[in-house]
Structures are given as structure tokens and as C-alpha cells.
Amino acid sequence: MGADDKIKNTAEDAKGKAKEAYGEATDDESTQAEGKADQTKSNLKQAGEKAKDTFK
């Protein structure tokens, strides 16, 4: 996994966690869901990168 990709995925995960927390604080279910989706997307990207590294 490239360092650039790892940094981007970690930033996306942090952004998702912040969105989710903001949604919880403001009782905004839509924002909470967006935050969870961002985190899931980041996790999937990280898993894909790890799988690519395994087969190199």
C-alpha cells in the first residue's frame, strides 16, 4: 500500500468519524449515515490496497 493511499484513506476515515459524531450531536441521522458511509468506503479501499500488496 502506498503511503499516499494510506494517508488519504486515514483522512477519509477521520472525516467520516467527525461527520458521524457531528450527526449524533445534532440529532441529524443523515449526517450520521454519511459519516458511517465514509468510514466504510475508507475501510474497503484499505482492504483493496492490502489485497493488491499481497498479490505483488
PDB file of N, CA and C in Angstrom:
ATOM      1  N   MET A   1       0.854  -1.167   0.000  1.00  0.00           N
ATOM      2  CA  MET A   1       0.000   0.000   0.000  1.00  0.00           C
ATOM      3  C   MET A   1       0.899   1.228   0.000  1.00  0.00           C
ATOM      4  N   GLY A   2       0.630   2.134  -0.921  1.00  0.00           N
ATOM      5  CA  GLY A   2       1.421   3.339  -0.996  1.00  0.00           C
ATOM      6  C   GLY A   2       1.122   4.267   0.166  1.00  0.00           C
ATOM      7  N   ALA A   3       2.129   5.025   0.551  1.00  0.00           N
ATOM      8  CA  ALA A   3       1.966   5.951   1.676  1.00  0.00           C
ATOM      9  C   ALA A   3       0.878   6.981   1.382  1.00  0.00           C
ATOM     10  N   ASP A   4       0.821   7.438   0.133  1.00  0.00           N
ATOM     11  CA  ASP A   4      -0.212   8.408  -0.253  1.00  0.00           C
ATOM     12  C   ASP A   4      -1.602   7.848  -0.028  1.00  0.00           C
ATOM     13  N   ASP A   5      -1.820   6.619  -0.489  1.00  0.00           N
ATOM     14  CA  ASP A   5      -3.130   5.994  -0.345  1.00  0.00           C
ATOM     15  C   ASP A   5      -3.488   5.794   1.120  1.00  0.00           C
ATOM     16  N   LYS A   6      -2.511   5.380   1.908  1.00  0.00           N
ATOM     17  CA  LYS A   6      -2.767   5.145   3.329  1.00  0.00           C
ATOM     18  C   LYS A   6      -3.163   6.443   4.027  1.00  0.00           C
ATOM     19  N   ILE A   7      -2.486   7.520   3.697  1.00  0.00           N
ATOM     20  CA  ILE A   7      -2.793   8.823   4.298  1.00  0.00           C
ATOM     21  C   ILE A   7      -4.186   9.277   3.880  1.00  0.00           C
ATOM     22  N   LYS A   8      -4.506   9.139   2.597  1.00  0.00           N
ATOM     23  CA  LYS A   8      -5.831   9.545   2.108  1.00  0.00           C
ATOM     24  C   LYS A   8      -6.930   8.724   2.771  1.00  0.00           C
ATOM     25  N   ASN A   9      -6.723   7.420   2.882  1.00  0.00           N
ATOM     26  CA  ASN A   9      -7.734   6.564   3.500  1.00  0.00           C
ATOM     27  C   ASN A   9      -7.909   6.881   4.980  1.00  0.00           C
ATOM     28  N   THR A  10      -6.817   7.159   5.668  1.00  0.00           N
ATOM     29  CA  THR A  10      -6.895   7.517   7.079  1.00  0.00           C
ATOM     30  C   THR A  10      -7.612   8.848   7.254  1.00  0.00           C
ATOM     31  N   ALA A  11      -7.330   9.795   6.372  1.00  0.00           N
ATOM     32  CA  ALA A  11      -8.009  11.099   6.431  1.00  0.00           C
ATOM     33  C   ALA A  11      -9.504  10.938   6.159  1.00  0.00           C
ATOM     34  N   GLU A  12      -9.844  10.088   5.198  1.00  0.00           N
ATOM     35  CA  GLU A  12     -11.256   9.865   4.885  1.00  0.00           C
ATOM     36  C   GLU A  12     -11.971   9.202   6.064  1.00  0.00           C
ATOM     37  N   ASP A  13     -11.291   8.286   6.732  1.00  0.00           N
ATOM     38  CA  ASP A  13     -11.865   7.628   7.903  1.00  0.00           C
ATOM     39  C   ASP A  13     -12.093   8.644   9.025  1.00  0.00           C
ATOM     40  N   ALA A  14     -11.107   9.510   9.259  1.00  0.00           N
ATOM     41  CA  ALA A  14     -11.241  10.533  10.299  1.00  0.00           C
ATOM     42  C   ALA A  14     -12.378  11.498   9.974  1.00  0.00           C
ATOM     43  N   LYS A  15     -12.487  11.863   8.704  1.00  0.00           N
ATOM     44  CA  LYS A  15     -13.571  12.745   8.268  1.00  0.00           C
ATOM     45  C   LYS A  15     -14.922  12.080   8.534  1.00  0.00           C
ATOM     46  N   GLY A  16     -15.016  10.799   8.246  1.00  0.00           N
ATOM     47  CA  GLY A  16     -16.243  10.055   8.482  1.00  0.00           C
ATOM     48  C   GLY A  16     -16.601   9.997   9.956  1.00  0.00           C
ATOM     49  N   LYS A  17     -15.605   9.783  10.797  1.00  0.00           N
ATOM     50  CA  LYS A  17     -15.847   9.739  12.242  1.00  0.00           C
ATOM     51  C   LYS A  17     -16.325  11.098  12.746  1.00  0.00           C
ATOM     52  N   ALA A  18     -15.731  12.161  12.222  1.00  0.00           N
ATOM     53  CA  ALA A  18     -16.140  13.508  12.625  1.00  0.00           C
ATOM     54  C   ALA A  18     -17.576  13.791  12.185  1.00  0.00           C
ATOM     55  N   LYS A  19     -17.908  13.395  10.957  1.00  0.00           N
ATOM     56  CA  LYS A  19     -19.278  13.583  10.459  1.00  0.00           C
ATOM     57  C   LYS A  19     -20.270  12.812  11.317  1.00  0.00           C
ATOM     58  N   GLU A  20     -19.908  11.579  11.638  1.00  0.00           N
ATOM     59  CA  GLU A  20     -20.799  10.754  12.445  1.00  0.00           C
ATOM     60  C   GLU A  20     -21.011  11.383  13.819  1.00  0.00           C
ATOM     61  N   ALA A  21     -19.948  11.851  14.440  1.00  0.00           N
ATOM     62  CA  ALA A  21     -20.052  12.484  15.759  1.00  0.00           C
ATOM     63  C   ALA A  21     -20.888  13.761  15.688  1.00  0.00           C
ATOM     64  N   TYR A  22     -20.681  14.554  14.641  1.00  0.00           N
ATOM     65  CA  TYR A  22     -21.474  15.773  14.464  1.00  0.00           C
ATOM     66  C   TYR A  22     -22.946  15.426  14.296  1.00  0.00           C
ATOM     67  N   GLY A  23     -23.238  14.404  13.523  1.00  0.00           N
ATOM     68  CA  GLY A  23     -24.611  13.954  13.329  1.00  0.00           C
ATOM     69  C   GLY A  23     -25.257  13.511  14.627  1.00  0.00           C
ATOM     70  N   GLU A  24     -24.484  12.812  15.457  1.00  0.00           N
ATOM     71  CA  GLU A  24     -25.005  12.386  16.759  1.00  0.00           C
ATOM     72  C   GLU A  24     -25.281  13.583  17.647  1.00  0.00           C
ATOM     73  N   ALA A  25     -24.372  14.552  17.639  1.00  0.00           N
ATOM     74  CA  ALA A  25     -24.515  15.727  18.496  1.00  0.00           C
ATOM     75  C   ALA A  25     -25.703  16.600  18.090  1.00  0.00           C
ATOM     76  N   THR A  26     -25.989  16.634  16.805  1.00  0.00           N
ATOM     77  CA  THR A  26     -27.068  17.488  16.311  1.00  0.00           C
ATOM     78  C   THR A  26     -28.345  16.713  16.015  1.00  0.00           C
ATOM     79  N   ASP A  27     -28.353  15.433  16.335  1.00  0.00           N
ATOM     80  CA  ASP A  27     -29.511  14.568  16.061  1.00  0.00           C
ATOM     81  C   ASP A  27     -29.866  14.531  14.582  1.00  0.00           C
ATOM     82  N   ASP A  28     -28.841  14.567  13.729  1.00  0.00           N
ATOM     83  CA  ASP A  28     -29.031  14.551  12.277  1.00  0.00           C
ATOM     84  C   ASP A  28     -28.655  13.160  11.759  1.00  0.00           C
ATOM     85  N   GLU A  29     -29.661  12.338  11.528  1.00  0.00           N
ATOM     86  CA  GLU A  29     -29.417  10.959  11.107  1.00  0.00           C
ATOM     87  C   GLU A  29     -28.759  10.881   9.734  1.00  0.00           C
ATOM     88  N   SER A  30     -29.064  11.837   8.872  1.00  0.00           N
ATOM     89  CA  SER A  30     -28.480  11.858   7.534  1.00  0.00           C
ATOM     90  C   SER A  30     -26.965  12.045   7.600  1.00  0.00           C
ATOM     91  N   THR A  31     -26.525  12.978   8.419  1.00  0.00           N
ATOM     92  CA  THR A  31     -25.091  13.234   8.568  1.00  0.00           C
ATOM     93  C   THR A  31     -24.401  12.047   9.222  1.00  0.00           C
ATOM     94  N   GLN A  32     -25.079  11.433  10.191  1.00  0.00           N
ATOM     95  CA  GLN A  32     -24.529  10.234  10.823  1.00  0.00           C
ATOM     96  C   GLN A  32     -24.314   9.141   9.779  1.00  0.00           C
ATOM     97  N   ALA A  33     -25.296   8.932   8.943  1.00  0.00           N
ATOM     98  CA  ALA A  33     -25.205   7.895   7.911  1.00  0.00           C
ATOM     99  C   ALA A  33     -24.087   8.204   6.919  1.00  0.00           C
ATOM    100  N   GLU A  34     -23.953   9.471   6.548  1.00  0.00           N
ATOM    101  CA  GLU A  34     -22.862   9.856   5.637  1.00  0.00           C
ATOM    102  C   GLU A  34     -21.511   9.551   6.270  1.00  0.00           C
ATOM    103  N   GLY A  35     -21.368   9.842   7.542  1.00  0.00           N
ATOM    104  CA  GLY A  35     -20.118   9.571   8.248  1.00  0.00           C
ATOM    105  C   GLY A  35     -19.790   8.091   8.268  1.00  0.00           C
ATOM    106  N   LYS A  36     -20.794   7.286   8.550  1.00  0.00           N
ATOM    107  CA  LYS A  36     -20.583   5.836   8.562  1.00  0.00           C
ATOM    108  C   LYS A  36     -20.228   5.338   7.165  1.00  0.00           C
ATOM    109  N   ALA A  37     -20.864   5.903   6.148  1.00  0.00           N
ATOM    110  CA  ALA A  37     -20.569   5.506   4.761  1.00  0.00           C
ATOM    111  C   ALA A  37     -19.138   5.866   4.392  1.00  0.00           C
ATOM    112  N   ASP A  38     -18.691   7.052   4.800  1.00  0.00           N
ATOM    113  CA  ASP A  38     -17.307   7.466   4.527  1.00  0.00           C
ATOM    114  C   ASP A  38     -16.317   6.501   5.171  1.00  0.00           C
ATOM    115  N   GLN A  39     -16.615   6.091   6.396  1.00  0.00           N
ATOM    116  CA  GLN A  39     -15.728   5.160   7.095  1.00  0.00           C
ATOM    117  C   GLN A  39     -15.699   3.805   6.396  1.00  0.00           C
ATOM    118  N   THR A  40     -16.846   3.341   5.973  1.00  0.00           N
ATOM    119  CA  THR A  40     -16.929   2.052   5.287  1.00  0.00           C
ATOM    120  C   THR A  40     -16.159   2.095   3.973  1.00  0.00           C
ATOM    121  N   LYS A  41     -16.333   3.198   3.240  1.00  0.00           N
ATOM    122  CA  LYS A  41     -15.627   3.356   1.964  1.00  0.00           C
ATOM    123  C   LYS A  41     -14.115   3.339   2.191  1.00  0.00           C
ATOM    124  N   SER A  42     -13.670   4.020   3.217  1.00  0.00           N
ATOM    125  CA  SER A  42     -12.249   4.051   3.539  1.00  0.00           C
ATOM    126  C   SER A  42     -11.736   2.655   3.889  1.00  0.00           C
ATOM    127  N   ASN A  43     -12.510   1.924   4.676  1.00  0.00           N
ATOM    128  CA  ASN A  43     -12.098   0.565   5.064  1.00  0.00           C
ATOM    129  C   ASN A  43     -12.018  -0.356   3.852  1.00  0.00           C
ATOM    130  N   LEU A  44     -12.962  -0.224   2.935  1.00  0.00           N
ATOM    131  CA  LEU A  44     -12.940  -1.049   1.725  1.00  0.00           C
ATOM    132  C   LEU A  44     -11.728  -0.724   0.856  1.00  0.00           C
ATOM    133  N   LYS A  45     -11.401   0.551   0.750  1.00  0.00           N
ATOM    134  CA  LYS A  45     -10.226   0.944  -0.031  1.00  0.00           C
ATOM    135  C   LYS A  45      -8.959   0.372   0.585  1.00  0.00           C
ATOM    136  N   GLN A  46      -8.866   0.441   1.919  1.00  0.00           N
ATOM    137  CA  GLN A  46      -7.694  -0.089   2.595  1.00  0.00           C
ATOM    138  C   GLN A  46      -7.574  -1.595   2.383  1.00  0.00           C
ATOM    139  N   ALA A  47      -8.690  -2.299   2.455  1.00  0.00           N
ATOM    140  CA  ALA A  47      -8.678  -3.747   2.236  1.00  0.00           C
ATOM    141  C   ALA A  47      -8.248  -4.072   0.809  1.00  0.00           C
ATOM    142  N   GLY A  48      -8.724  -3.283  -0.149  1.00  0.00           N
ATOM    143  CA  GLY A  48      -8.339  -3.488  -1.543  1.00  0.00           C
ATOM    144  C   GLY A  48      -6.857  -3.269  -1.762  1.00  0.00           C
ATOM    145  N   GLU A  49      -6.326  -2.240  -1.147  1.00  0.00           N
ATOM    146  CA  GLU A  49      -4.895  -1.961  -1.271  1.00  0.00           C
ATOM    147  C   GLU A  49      -4.066  -3.086  -0.650  1.00  0.00           C
ATOM    148  N   LYS A  50      -4.507  -3.591   0.503  1.00  0.00           N
ATOM    149  CA  LYS A  50      -3.782  -4.679   1.149  1.00  0.00           C
ATOM    150  C   LYS A  50      -3.813  -5.941   0.291  1.00  0.00           C
ATOM    151  N   ALA A  51      -4.951  -6.194  -0.342  1.00  0.00           N
ATOM    152  CA  ALA A  51      -5.068  -7.365  -1.214  1.00  0.00           C
ATOM    153  C   ALA A  51      -4.138  -7.234  -2.415  1.00  0.00           C
ATOM    154  N   LYS A  52      -4.057  -6.027  -2.975  1.00  0.00           N
ATOM    155  CA  LYS A  52      -3.142  -5.800  -4.105  1.00  0.00           C
ATOM    156  C   LYS A  52      -1.697  -6.049  -3.674  1.00  0.00           C
ATOM    157  N   ASP A  53      -1.346  -5.562  -2.467  1.00  0.00           N
ATOM    158  CA  ASP A  53       0.016  -5.743  -1.965  1.00  0.00           C
ATOM    159  C   ASP A  53       0.326  -7.217  -1.751  1.00  0.00           C
ATOM    160  N   THR A  54      -0.659  -7.989  -1.342  1.00  0.00           N
ATOM    161  CA  THR A  54      -0.462  -9.411  -1.083  1.00  0.00           C
ATOM    162  C   THR A  54      -0.102 -10.147  -2.368  1.00  0.00           C
ATOM    163  N   PHE A  55      -0.718  -9.751  -3.473  1.00  0.00           N
ATOM    164  CA  PHE A  55      -0.504 -10.452  -4.743  1.00  0.00           C
ATOM    165  C   PHE A  55       0.650  -9.897  -5.562  1.00  0.00           C
ATOM    166  N   LYS A  56       1.372  -8.946  -5.040  1.00  0.00           N
ATOM    167  CA  LYS A  56       2.524  -8.398  -5.771  1.00  0.00           C
ATOM    168  C   LYS A  56       3.706  -9.315  -5.646  1.00  0.00           C
TER     169      LYS A  56
END
